[in-house]
């Protein structure tokens, strides 16, 4: 049992090291890469434009639920005027970056892992390496750079749509005056809250896209499955690990920033 535990620990440490080297090579390969801008724009389209509908829909219903639940909770204490504060701080500091990242992982991240897994399974990546092309610069670097741009933008859209959803619940469907709601939103959100939101979004984007790319790129290294099963297993693993990483990183970042002025 002790031997098995030690082997499992060494395997985890080795994989973490491989992941760190993989991500570092992706960023260093971007330096001097030809036509990088065109590939970054394509990655922005894949992660941004294609994922925009799900971000808007989930953001709207998140705001609607927050507004509805928050109104009835605050109503017990006669504090309905604080609904805007509740909705805005909850969205900006926590729910917007976390839920937006999870939605992007579910759509763009899984698609990326599956695409790279299929390319590895069909030996397209091997062909690029045989021709001397930098697979990291061609396949990975544009996705990582795009994630640093797209995730903060998508998080901002999620938060804005969620605030409007809270307004619909609190002011349109219930009895809270719209001026009270938006005034509370304006007074509650400060520069520190926005900085924390963007920091989380950028970190989540880098980690999740790197994890999805790593699992898809190394689909051929799975010992328990090959071919289509390896692609499926790598995609599932990428989504699960990315989701866990988002929640773990959220706690770490929150604990580091919560006491800062």
Protein backbone atom coordinates (compact mmCIF):
# COMPACT_ATOMS: atom_id res chain seq x y z
CA UNK A 1 0.00 0.00 0.00
CA UNK A 2 2.80 2.39 0.90
CA UNK A 3 4.58 1.57 -2.35
CA UNK A 4 1.44 2.18 -4.40
CA UNK A 5 0.87 5.50 -2.63
CA UNK A 6 4.44 6.55 -3.30
CA UNK A 7 4.21 5.62 -6.98
CA UNK A 8 0.94 7.51 -7.32
CA UNK A 9 2.47 10.59 -5.66
CA UNK A 10 5.51 10.47 -7.95
CA UNK A 11 3.21 10.16 -10.97
CA UNK A 12 1.25 13.24 -9.89
CA UNK A 13 4.43 15.27 -9.32
CA UNK A 14 5.81 14.15 -12.68
CA UNK A 15 2.62 15.14 -14.47
CA UNK A 16 2.57 18.53 -12.77
CA UNK A 17 6.13 19.06 -13.95
CA UNK A 18 5.21 18.05 -17.49
CA UNK A 19 2.27 20.46 -17.39
CA UNK A 20 4.51 23.33 -16.23
CA UNK A 21 7.03 22.62 -18.99
CA UNK A 22 4.22 22.33 -21.55
CA UNK A 23 2.74 25.72 -20.60
CA UNK A 24 6.16 27.41 -20.50
CA UNK A 25 7.06 26.07 -23.95
CA UNK A 26 3.75 27.35 -25.29
CA UNK A 27 4.50 30.92 -24.18
CA UNK A 28 8.15 30.88 -25.24
CA UNK A 29 7.21 29.43 -28.65
CA UNK A 30 4.94 32.42 -29.26
CA UNK A 31 7.97 34.72 -29.47
CA UNK A 32 8.81 35.24 -33.13
CA UNK A 33 6.03 32.95 -34.35
CA UNK A 34 4.81 33.75 -37.86
CA UNK A 35 1.16 34.70 -38.43
CA UNK A 36 0.48 34.47 -34.70
CA UNK A 37 -2.05 37.30 -34.84
CA UNK A 38 -4.26 35.48 -37.33
CA UNK A 39 -4.32 32.34 -35.20
CA UNK A 40 -5.03 34.38 -32.05
CA UNK A 41 -8.01 36.01 -33.77
CA UNK A 42 -9.34 32.59 -34.72
CA UNK A 43 -8.94 31.40 -31.13
CA UNK A 44 -10.72 34.54 -29.89
CA UNK A 45 -13.60 33.72 -32.21
CA UNK A 46 -13.75 30.14 -30.92
CA UNK A 47 -13.61 31.09 -27.25
CA UNK A 48 -15.46 34.37 -27.47
CA UNK A 49 -18.06 34.66 -30.21
CA UNK A 50 -19.14 31.02 -30.18
CA UNK A 51 -19.46 30.99 -26.39
CA UNK A 52 -21.26 34.33 -26.11
CA UNK A 53 -24.85 32.94 -26.22
CA UNK A 54 -24.30 30.55 -23.31
CA UNK A 55 -22.60 33.33 -21.30
CA UNK A 56 -25.54 35.67 -21.83
CA UNK A 57 -28.18 33.03 -21.04
CA UNK A 58 -26.47 31.74 -17.89
CA UNK A 59 -25.64 35.27 -16.74
CA UNK A 60 -29.24 36.41 -17.15
CA UNK A 61 -30.74 33.52 -15.20
CA UNK A 62 -28.06 33.81 -12.52
CA UNK A 63 -29.02 37.45 -12.00
CA UNK A 64 -32.73 36.58 -12.01
CA UNK A 65 -32.26 33.93 -9.32
CA UNK A 66 -29.99 36.19 -7.24
CA UNK A 67 -32.50 39.02 -7.44
CA UNK A 68 -35.44 36.80 -6.52
CA UNK A 69 -33.78 34.96 -3.65
CA UNK A 70 -32.00 38.07 -2.38
CA UNK A 71 -35.19 40.14 -2.32
CA UNK A 72 -37.11 37.66 -0.19
CA UNK A 73 -34.18 37.15 2.19
CA UNK A 74 -33.61 40.89 2.64
CA UNK A 75 -37.33 41.47 2.95
CA UNK A 76 -37.31 39.54 6.23
CA UNK A 77 -35.09 42.23 7.72
CA UNK A 78 -36.68 45.21 5.97
CA UNK A 79 -33.52 45.75 3.88
CA UNK A 80 -34.81 45.40 0.32
CA UNK A 81 -32.81 48.49 -0.64
CA UNK A 82 -29.60 46.47 -0.28
CA UNK A 83 -30.58 44.12 -3.11
CA UNK A 84 -28.34 45.94 -5.59
CA UNK A 85 -25.40 45.61 -3.20
CA UNK A 86 -26.03 41.90 -2.74
CA UNK A 87 -26.39 41.13 -6.45
CA UNK A 88 -23.49 43.29 -7.62
CA UNK A 89 -20.89 42.12 -5.10
CA UNK A 90 -21.90 38.48 -5.44
CA UNK A 91 -21.61 38.64 -9.21
CA UNK A 92 -18.49 40.76 -9.53
CA UNK A 93 -16.43 39.11 -6.81
CA UNK A 94 -17.46 35.46 -7.18
CA UNK A 95 -20.17 34.19 -9.49
CA UNK A 96 -19.27 36.04 -12.70
CA UNK A 97 -15.62 34.87 -12.97
CA UNK A 98 -16.35 31.36 -11.67
CA UNK A 99 -19.49 30.58 -13.68
CA UNK A 100 -18.17 32.24 -16.84
CA UNK A 101 -15.00 30.14 -16.60
CA UNK A 102 -17.01 26.94 -16.05
CA UNK A 103 -19.22 27.70 -19.07
CA UNK A 104 -16.17 28.39 -21.25
CA UNK A 105 -14.53 25.18 -20.07
CA UNK A 106 -17.66 23.22 -20.91
CA UNK A 107 -17.84 24.59 -24.46
CA UNK A 108 -14.49 25.97 -25.65
CA UNK A 109 -12.25 23.89 -23.37
CA UNK A 110 -13.85 20.56 -24.18
CA UNK A 111 -13.80 21.39 -27.91
CA UNK A 112 -10.10 22.26 -27.68
CA UNK A 113 -9.21 19.04 -25.86
CA UNK A 114 -11.20 16.94 -28.33
CA UNK A 115 -9.70 18.73 -31.35
CA UNK A 116 -6.12 18.26 -30.18
CA UNK A 117 -6.85 14.67 -29.18
CA UNK A 118 -8.20 13.88 -32.64
CA UNK A 119 -5.21 15.59 -34.26
CA UNK A 120 -2.87 13.51 -32.12
CA UNK A 121 -4.83 10.32 -32.79
CA UNK A 122 -4.79 10.92 -36.56
CA UNK A 123 -1.04 11.72 -36.42
CA UNK A 124 -1.49 15.30 -37.66
CA UNK A 125 0.60 16.61 -34.76
CA UNK A 126 3.27 14.00 -35.50
CA UNK A 127 3.33 15.20 -39.11
CA UNK A 128 3.88 18.80 -37.99
CA UNK A 129 6.75 17.72 -35.76
CA UNK A 130 8.26 15.68 -38.60
CA UNK A 131 8.23 18.77 -40.84
CA UNK A 132 10.04 20.73 -38.13
CA UNK A 133 7.11 22.99 -37.30
CA UNK A 134 6.62 24.17 -33.73
CA UNK A 135 3.42 22.49 -32.62
CA UNK A 136 3.27 24.63 -29.48
CA UNK A 137 3.51 27.85 -31.46
CA UNK A 138 0.97 26.69 -34.03
CA UNK A 139 -1.60 24.93 -31.82
CA UNK A 140 -1.20 26.01 -28.17
CA UNK A 141 0.20 29.54 -27.94
CA UNK A 142 -2.69 31.27 -29.78
CA UNK A 143 -5.25 29.58 -27.49
CA UNK A 144 -3.45 30.69 -24.32
CA UNK A 145 -3.05 34.27 -25.52
CA UNK A 146 -6.69 34.38 -26.60
CA UNK A 147 -7.78 33.08 -23.17
CA UNK A 148 -6.07 36.01 -21.44
CA UNK A 149 -8.16 38.33 -23.62
CA UNK A 150 -11.47 36.49 -23.86
CA UNK A 151 -12.03 35.36 -20.27
CA UNK A 152 -12.04 38.89 -18.75
CA UNK A 153 -14.33 40.13 -21.53
CA UNK A 154 -16.75 37.23 -21.13
CA UNK A 155 -16.71 37.71 -17.35
CA UNK A 156 -17.59 41.38 -17.80
CA UNK A 157 -20.50 40.48 -20.08
CA UNK A 158 -21.68 37.85 -17.59
CA UNK A 159 -21.62 40.37 -14.73
CA UNK A 160 -23.45 43.09 -16.69
CA UNK A 161 -26.14 40.71 -17.90
CA UNK A 162 -26.46 39.31 -14.37
CA UNK A 163 -26.94 42.82 -12.95
CA UNK A 164 -29.71 43.39 -15.45
CA UNK A 165 -31.26 40.06 -14.45
CA UNK A 166 -31.22 41.18 -10.81
CA UNK A 167 -32.91 44.40 -11.87
CA UNK A 168 -35.63 42.45 -13.68
CA UNK A 169 -36.33 40.35 -10.59
CA UNK A 170 -36.11 43.12 -8.02
CA UNK A 171 -37.62 46.10 -9.81
CA UNK A 172 -39.71 44.83 -12.73
CA UNK A 173 -41.22 41.69 -11.18
CA UNK A 174 -41.18 42.81 -7.53
CA UNK A 175 -41.64 46.16 -5.75
CA UNK A 176 -38.14 47.61 -5.49
CA UNK A 177 -37.68 50.98 -7.15
CA UNK A 178 -35.19 50.91 -10.01
CA UNK A 179 -33.33 53.99 -8.76
CA UNK A 180 -32.72 52.34 -5.40
CA UNK A 181 -31.38 49.20 -7.09
CA UNK A 182 -28.96 50.93 -9.46
CA UNK A 183 -27.83 53.39 -6.79
CA UNK A 184 -26.92 50.47 -4.53
CA UNK A 185 -25.03 48.82 -7.39
CA UNK A 186 -23.10 52.03 -8.09
CA UNK A 187 -22.16 52.55 -4.43
CA UNK A 188 -21.23 48.91 -3.76
CA UNK A 189 -18.76 48.06 -6.51
CA UNK A 190 -15.31 49.61 -6.13
CA UNK A 191 -11.94 49.36 -7.92
CA UNK A 192 -10.80 46.54 -5.63
CA UNK A 193 -13.84 44.44 -6.58
CA UNK A 194 -13.24 44.99 -10.30
CA UNK A 195 -9.53 44.21 -9.94
CA UNK A 196 -10.32 40.97 -8.13
CA UNK A 197 -12.83 40.04 -10.83
CA UNK A 198 -10.38 40.58 -13.68
CA UNK A 199 -7.54 38.84 -11.82
CA UNK A 200 -9.67 35.75 -11.32
CA UNK A 201 -10.85 35.79 -14.93
CA UNK A 202 -7.31 35.98 -16.34
CA UNK A 203 -5.97 33.27 -14.01
CA UNK A 204 -8.93 30.98 -14.70
CA UNK A 205 -8.52 31.47 -18.44
CA UNK A 206 -4.82 30.65 -18.41
CA UNK A 207 -5.17 27.59 -16.18
CA UNK A 208 -8.24 26.04 -17.79
CA UNK A 209 -7.17 26.44 -21.41
CA UNK A 210 -3.68 25.17 -20.55
CA UNK A 211 -5.16 22.11 -18.82
CA UNK A 212 -7.51 21.37 -21.72
CA UNK A 213 -4.72 21.80 -24.28
CA UNK A 214 -2.34 19.64 -22.25
CA UNK A 215 -4.80 16.76 -21.95
CA UNK A 216 -5.76 16.84 -25.63
CA UNK A 217 -2.16 17.20 -26.80
CA UNK A 218 -1.06 14.20 -24.72
CA UNK A 219 -4.05 11.94 -25.41
CA UNK A 220 -1.71 9.33 -26.89
CA UNK A 221 0.08 8.90 -23.55
CA UNK A 222 -2.91 7.32 -21.81
CA UNK A 223 -2.12 3.73 -20.86
CA UNK A 224 -5.67 2.56 -20.22
CA UNK A 225 -7.19 3.49 -23.59
CA UNK A 226 -6.27 4.19 -27.19
CA UNK A 227 -7.87 5.70 -30.27
CA UNK A 228 -11.31 7.24 -29.86
CA UNK A 229 -11.53 6.11 -26.25
CA UNK A 230 -8.33 8.00 -25.44
CA UNK A 231 -9.77 11.18 -26.98
CA UNK A 232 -12.97 10.77 -24.99
CA UNK A 233 -11.11 10.09 -21.75
CA UNK A 234 -8.75 13.03 -22.27
CA UNK A 235 -11.65 15.40 -22.97
CA UNK A 236 -13.52 14.26 -19.87
CA UNK A 237 -10.40 14.55 -17.76
CA UNK A 238 -9.70 18.04 -19.11
CA UNK A 239 -13.17 19.31 -18.21
CA UNK A 240 -13.16 17.74 -14.74
CA UNK A 241 -9.66 18.93 -13.82
CA UNK A 242 -10.32 22.41 -15.21
CA UNK A 243 -13.53 22.75 -13.19
CA UNK A 244 -11.80 21.65 -9.98
CA UNK A 245 -8.91 24.01 -10.70
CA UNK A 246 -11.28 26.96 -11.14
CA UNK A 247 -12.84 26.37 -7.71
CA UNK A 248 -9.48 25.78 -6.01
CA UNK A 249 -7.89 28.84 -7.63
CA UNK A 250 -10.94 30.91 -6.69
CA UNK A 251 -10.40 30.11 -3.03
CA UNK A 252 -6.66 30.84 -3.20
CA UNK A 253 -7.10 34.18 -4.98
CA UNK A 254 -9.94 35.23 -2.68
CA UNK A 255 -7.87 34.42 0.42
CA UNK A 256 -4.97 36.49 -0.95
CA UNK A 257 -7.02 39.52 -2.00
CA UNK A 258 -9.81 39.64 0.56
CA UNK A 259 -7.84 41.69 3.12
CA UNK A 260 -6.14 44.02 0.67
CA UNK A 261 -7.25 47.69 0.71
